Amino acid sequence: CEVLVVLAAQEDRVSDAVRHQLNILRNSGVSIEPAENVQKNESFGEADAIIDALLGYSLSGSPRDPAASLIRVMNKSGAPVVSNDIPTGIDATTGTVHEPAIRATATVTIALPKTGLLVSDARRLAGDLYLGDISVPPELYLAVLDLPVPAIFAIGQIVKMPDRA
């Protein structure tokens, strides 16, 4: 299995935590390329799948380059795209779809569904929606957020959410 990580940020400007993770990837034999290489070729080559983890769930406004260019290339690649938490370009809280936004084949959202994924346009762009367990005890949601959460993960660590849109 060959893995390529496309880095949207300039490597000399990433946090120490990201730099540490990049070193782990390199030591594992993973290739890391700057976004400019993909932008220049306008292609992810023969990618069998793409994992979208460009921007975090705290997106504010439309994605800007290099992320915007990478989104366009991902969308036209023809490869299945799996988004991490929420497709890049969608506001996790409101569901506002910015331009450009990823059209995911599937999205794995972590712990609880992001409220923005319940909005029809956002839900449609998320593709098949899965919920991934990161071992947050239901009691914590109740104690901190006053949010009663059922035992969602009693059936498994990854749960397919029902289609809503």
C-alpha atoms as a PDB file:
ATOM      1  CA  CYS A   1       0.000   0.000   0.000  1.00  0.00           C
ATOM      2  CA  GLU A   2       1.466   3.343  -1.023  1.00  0.00           C
ATOM      3  CA  VAL A   3       0.421   6.411   0.950  1.00  0.00           C
ATOM      4  CA  LEU A   4       0.967  10.026  -0.060  1.00  0.00           C
ATOM      5  CA  VAL A   5       0.311  12.931   2.290  1.00  0.00           C
ATOM      6  CA  VAL A   6      -0.271  16.286   0.629  1.00  0.00           C
ATOM      7  CA  LEU A   7       0.643  19.076   3.001  1.00  0.00           C
ATOM      8  CA  ALA A   8      -1.490  22.197   2.495  1.00  0.00           C
ATOM      9  CA  ALA A   9       0.646  24.291   4.852  1.00  0.00           C
ATOM     10  CA  GLN A  10       4.278  25.196   4.400  1.00  0.00           C
ATOM     11  CA  GLU A  11       6.196  22.651   6.422  1.00  0.00           C
ATOM     12  CA  ASP A  12       8.388  25.238   8.112  1.00  0.00           C
ATOM     13  CA  ARG A  13       5.241  26.936   9.460  1.00  0.00           C
ATOM     14  CA  VAL A  14       3.479  23.952  11.054  1.00  0.00           C
ATOM     15  CA  SER A  15       3.166  23.436  14.798  1.00  0.00           C
ATOM     16  CA  ASP A  16       5.530  21.207  16.742  1.00  0.00           C
ATOM     17  CA  ALA A  17       2.750  18.620  17.082  1.00  0.00           C
ATOM     18  CA  VAL A  18       2.224  18.484  13.307  1.00  0.00           C
ATOM     19  CA  ARG A  19       5.981  18.355  12.707  1.00  0.00           C
ATOM     20  CA  HIS A  20       6.190  15.404  15.110  1.00  0.00           C
ATOM     21  CA  GLN A  21       3.416  13.572  13.218  1.00  0.00           C
ATOM     22  CA  LEU A  22       5.128  14.277   9.881  1.00  0.00           C
ATOM     23  CA  ASN A  23       8.331  12.740  11.247  1.00  0.00           C
ATOM     24  CA  ILE A  24       6.416   9.632  12.310  1.00  0.00           C
ATOM     25  CA  LEU A  25       4.940   9.379   8.806  1.00  0.00           C
ATOM     26  CA  ARG A  26       8.326   9.791   7.124  1.00  0.00           C
ATOM     27  CA  ASN A  27       9.885   7.179   9.405  1.00  0.00           C
ATOM     28  CA  SER A  28       7.058   4.846   8.371  1.00  0.00           C
ATOM     29  CA  GLY A  29       7.906   5.298   4.692  1.00  0.00           C
ATOM     30  CA  VAL A  30       5.048   7.665   3.845  1.00  0.00           C
ATOM     31  CA  SER A  31       5.725  10.193   1.084  1.00  0.00           C
ATOM     32  CA  ILE A  32       4.903  13.824   1.875  1.00  0.00           C
ATOM     33  CA  GLU A  33       4.497  16.396  -0.875  1.00  0.00           C
ATOM     34  CA  PRO A  34       3.680  20.093  -0.779  1.00  0.00           C
ATOM     35  CA  ALA A  35       0.300  21.166  -2.123  1.00  0.00           C
ATOM     36  CA  GLU A  36       2.000  23.004  -4.999  1.00  0.00           C
ATOM     37  CA  ASN A  37       2.918  19.675  -6.643  1.00  0.00           C
ATOM     38  CA  VAL A  38      -0.715  18.558  -6.752  1.00  0.00           C
ATOM     39  CA  GLN A  39      -1.938  22.027  -7.761  1.00  0.00           C
ATOM     40  CA  LYS A  40       0.568  22.176 -10.622  1.00  0.00           C
ATOM     41  CA  ASN A  41      -0.427  18.735 -11.954  1.00  0.00           C
ATOM     42  CA  GLU A  42      -4.122  19.283 -11.122  1.00  0.00           C
ATOM     43  CA  SER A  43      -4.228  15.609 -10.207  1.00  0.00           C
ATOM     44  CA  PHE A  44      -3.814  13.099  -7.435  1.00  0.00           C
ATOM     45  CA  GLY A  45      -2.554  10.660 -10.047  1.00  0.00           C
ATOM     46  CA  GLU A  46      -3.824   7.122  -9.743  1.00  0.00           C
ATOM     47  CA  ALA A  47      -5.224   7.531  -6.223  1.00  0.00           C
ATOM     48  CA  ASP A  48      -7.421   4.638  -5.108  1.00  0.00           C
ATOM     49  CA  ALA A  49      -8.870   6.787  -2.325  1.00  0.00           C
ATOM     50  CA  ILE A  50      -8.407  10.244  -0.837  1.00  0.00           C
ATOM     51  CA  ILE A  51      -8.749  11.172   2.831  1.00  0.00           C
ATOM     52  CA  ASP A  52      -9.931  14.747   3.329  1.00  0.00           C
ATOM     53  CA  ALA A  53      -8.432  16.260   6.468  1.00  0.00           C
ATOM     54  CA  LEU A  54      -7.516  19.655   5.023  1.00  0.00           C
ATOM     55  CA  LEU A  55      -9.060  22.014   7.550  1.00  0.00           C
ATOM     56  CA  GLY A  56     -10.427  21.452  11.010  1.00  0.00           C
ATOM     57  CA  TYR A  57     -14.030  21.675  12.148  1.00  0.00           C
ATOM     58  CA  SER A  58     -13.474  25.322  13.138  1.00  0.00           C
ATOM     59  CA  LEU A  59     -13.676  26.510   9.520  1.00  0.00           C
ATOM     60  CA  SER A  60     -14.718  30.142   9.211  1.00  0.00           C
ATOM     61  CA  GLY A  61     -15.689  31.311   5.736  1.00  0.00           C
ATOM     62  CA  SER A  62     -14.706  29.911   2.368  1.00  0.00           C
ATOM     63  CA  PRO A  63     -11.497  27.884   2.108  1.00  0.00           C
ATOM     64  CA  ARG A  64      -8.580  29.791   0.576  1.00  0.00           C
ATOM     65  CA  ASP A  65      -5.631  28.511  -1.436  1.00  0.00           C
ATOM     66  CA  PRO A  66      -3.899  26.161  -1.260  1.00  0.00           C
ATOM     67  CA  ALA A  67      -6.828  24.313   0.384  1.00  0.00           C
ATOM     68  CA  ALA A  68      -9.352  25.650  -2.165  1.00  0.00           C
ATOM     69  CA  SER A  69      -7.287  24.366  -5.096  1.00  0.00           C
ATOM     70  CA  LEU A  70      -6.834  20.977  -3.438  1.00  0.00           C
ATOM     71  CA  ILE A  71     -10.601  20.710  -2.870  1.00  0.00           C
ATOM     72  CA  ARG A  72     -11.232  21.305  -6.570  1.00  0.00           C
ATOM     73  CA  VAL A  73      -8.646  18.681  -7.550  1.00  0.00           C
ATOM     74  CA  MET A  74     -10.124  16.155  -5.072  1.00  0.00           C
ATOM     75  CA  ASN A  75     -13.643  16.730  -6.372  1.00  0.00           C
ATOM     76  CA  LYS A  76     -12.648  16.110  -9.985  1.00  0.00           C
ATOM     77  CA  SER A  77     -10.311  13.175  -9.236  1.00  0.00           C
ATOM     78  CA  GLY A  78     -12.898  10.428  -9.605  1.00  0.00           C
ATOM     79  CA  ALA A  79     -11.427   8.677  -6.540  1.00  0.00           C
ATOM     80  CA  PRO A  80     -13.597   8.015  -3.495  1.00  0.00           C
ATOM     81  CA  VAL A  81     -13.110  10.737  -0.870  1.00  0.00           C
ATOM     82  CA  VAL A  82     -13.479   9.999   2.846  1.00  0.00           C
ATOM     83  CA  SER A  83     -13.757  13.133   4.976  1.00  0.00           C
ATOM     84  CA  ASN A  84     -12.459  13.287   8.525  1.00  0.00           C
ATOM     85  CA  ASP A  85     -15.139  14.700  10.877  1.00  0.00           C
ATOM     86  CA  ILE A  86     -16.812  16.959   8.284  1.00  0.00           C
ATOM     87  CA  PRO A  87     -16.123  17.608   4.589  1.00  0.00           C
ATOM     88  CA  THR A  88     -13.756  20.559   4.149  1.00  0.00           C
ATOM     89  CA  GLY A  89     -15.719  23.646   3.185  1.00  0.00           C
ATOM     90  CA  ILE A  90     -18.725  22.953   5.413  1.00  0.00           C
ATOM     91  CA  ASP A  91     -19.310  24.810   8.683  1.00  0.00           C
ATOM     92  CA  ALA A  92     -19.535  22.102  11.370  1.00  0.00           C
ATOM     93  CA  THR A  93     -22.010  24.070  13.488  1.00  0.00           C
ATOM     94  CA  THR A  94     -24.368  25.702  10.976  1.00  0.00           C
ATOM     95  CA  GLY A  95     -24.025  23.394   7.967  1.00  0.00           C
ATOM     96  CA  THR A  96     -23.285  26.369   5.711  1.00  0.00           C
ATOM     97  CA  VAL A  97     -21.673  25.066   2.533  1.00  0.00           C
ATOM     98  CA  HIS A  98     -18.874  27.355   1.384  1.00  0.00           C
ATOM     99  CA  GLU A  99     -17.229  27.391  -2.035  1.00  0.00           C
ATOM    100  CA  PRO A 100     -15.431  25.232  -2.706  1.00  0.00           C
ATOM    101  CA  ALA A 101     -16.487  22.286  -0.556  1.00  0.00           C
ATOM    102  CA  ILE A 102     -15.576  18.605  -0.688  1.00  0.00           C
ATOM    103  CA  ARG A 103     -18.134  16.199  -2.153  1.00  0.00           C
ATOM    104  CA  ALA A 104     -17.327  13.191   0.018  1.00  0.00           C
ATOM    105  CA  THR A 105     -18.167   9.588  -0.715  1.00  0.00           C
ATOM    106  CA  ALA A 106     -18.255   9.038   3.041  1.00  0.00           C
ATOM    107  CA  THR A 107     -17.573  11.004   6.213  1.00  0.00           C
ATOM    108  CA  VAL A 108     -16.370   9.605   9.528  1.00  0.00           C
ATOM    109  CA  THR A 109     -17.402  12.071  12.211  1.00  0.00           C
ATOM    110  CA  ILE A 110     -15.884  11.647  15.644  1.00  0.00           C
ATOM    111  CA  ALA A 111     -17.653  11.125  19.013  1.00  0.00           C
ATOM    112  CA  LEU A 112     -20.994  12.745  18.100  1.00  0.00           C
ATOM    113  CA  PRO A 113     -22.392  13.991  14.776  1.00  0.00           C
ATOM    114  CA  LYS A 114     -21.588  17.638  14.099  1.00  0.00           C
ATOM    115  CA  THR A 115     -24.815  19.661  14.074  1.00  0.00           C
ATOM    116  CA  GLY A 116     -23.918  21.061  10.652  1.00  0.00           C
ATOM    117  CA  LEU A 117     -24.204  17.563   9.181  1.00  0.00           C
ATOM    118  CA  LEU A 118     -27.926  17.577   9.961  1.00  0.00           C
ATOM    119  CA  VAL A 119     -28.564  20.337   7.386  1.00  0.00           C
ATOM    120  CA  SER A 120     -29.660  18.856   4.054  1.00  0.00           C
ATOM    121  CA  ASP A 121     -27.062  20.460   1.740  1.00  0.00           C
ATOM    122  CA  ALA A 122     -24.235  19.601   4.123  1.00  0.00           C
ATOM    123  CA  ARG A 123     -25.613  16.099   4.715  1.00  0.00           C
ATOM    124  CA  ARG A 124     -25.785  15.484   0.959  1.00  0.00           C
ATOM    125  CA  LEU A 125     -22.121  16.476   0.504  1.00  0.00           C
ATOM    126  CA  ALA A 126     -21.037  14.213   3.388  1.00  0.00           C
ATOM    127  CA  GLY A 127     -21.943  11.011   1.528  1.00  0.00           C
ATOM    128  CA  ASP A 128     -22.401   7.956   3.729  1.00  0.00           C
ATOM    129  CA  LEU A 129     -22.093   9.151   7.311  1.00  0.00           C
ATOM    130  CA  TYR A 130     -20.319   7.120   9.986  1.00  0.00           C
ATOM    131  CA  LEU A 131     -19.812   7.894  13.649  1.00  0.00           C
ATOM    132  CA  GLY A 132     -16.462   6.872  15.165  1.00  0.00           C
ATOM    133  CA  ASP A 133     -15.978   6.090  18.849  1.00  0.00           C
ATOM    134  CA  ILE A 134     -13.108   7.844  20.635  1.00  0.00           C
ATOM    135  CA  SER A 135     -14.127   6.508  24.059  1.00  0.00           C
ATOM    136  CA  VAL A 136     -15.789   9.606  25.485  1.00  0.00           C
ATOM    137  CA  PRO A 137     -17.918   8.277  28.353  1.00  0.00           C
ATOM    138  CA  PRO A 138     -21.616   9.225  28.053  1.00  0.00           C
ATOM    139  CA  GLU A 139     -21.415  10.469  31.663  1.00  0.00           C
ATOM    140  CA  LEU A 140     -18.967  13.171  30.564  1.00  0.00           C
ATOM    141  CA  TYR A 141     -21.433  14.590  28.035  1.00  0.00           C
ATOM    142  CA  LEU A 142     -24.047  14.708  30.773  1.00  0.00           C
ATOM    143  CA  ALA A 143     -21.734  16.274  33.378  1.00  0.00           C
ATOM    144  CA  VAL A 144     -20.112  18.891  31.125  1.00  0.00           C
ATOM    145  CA  LEU A 145     -22.726  19.617  28.456  1.00  0.00           C
ATOM    146  CA  ASP A 146     -25.907  18.489  30.232  1.00  0.00           C
ATOM    147  CA  LEU A 147     -26.413  16.302  27.163  1.00  0.00           C
ATOM    148  CA  PRO A 148     -27.813  12.811  27.699  1.00  0.00           C
ATOM    149  CA  VAL A 149     -26.189  10.501  25.145  1.00  0.00           C
ATOM    150  CA  PRO A 150     -27.399   6.938  24.604  1.00  0.00           C
ATOM    151  CA  ALA A 151     -24.962   4.032  24.327  1.00  0.00           C
ATOM    152  CA  ILE A 152     -24.449   4.670  20.601  1.00  0.00           C
ATOM    153  CA  PHE A 153     -21.366   2.480  20.342  1.00  0.00           C
ATOM    154  CA  ALA A 154     -22.851  -0.613  21.986  1.00  0.00           C
ATOM    155  CA  ILE A 155     -23.036  -2.163  18.501  1.00  0.00           C
ATOM    156  CA  GLY A 156     -19.478  -1.289  17.437  1.00  0.00           C
ATOM    157  CA  GLN A 157     -16.729   1.334  17.329  1.00  0.00           C
ATOM    158  CA  ILE A 158     -17.933   2.660  13.977  1.00  0.00           C
ATOM    159  CA  VAL A 159     -21.657   3.119  13.460  1.00  0.00           C
ATOM    160  CA  LYS A 160     -23.325   3.968  10.137  1.00  0.00           C
ATOM    161  CA  MET A 161     -25.761   6.821  10.623  1.00  0.00           C
ATOM    162  CA  PRO A 162     -29.152   6.669   8.903  1.00  0.00           C
ATOM    163  CA  ASP A 163     -29.679   8.670   5.730  1.00  0.00           C
ATOM    164  CA  ARG A 164     -31.485  11.939   6.440  1.00  0.00           C
ATOM    165  CA  ALA A 165     -31.282  13.916   3.215  1.00  0.00           C
END
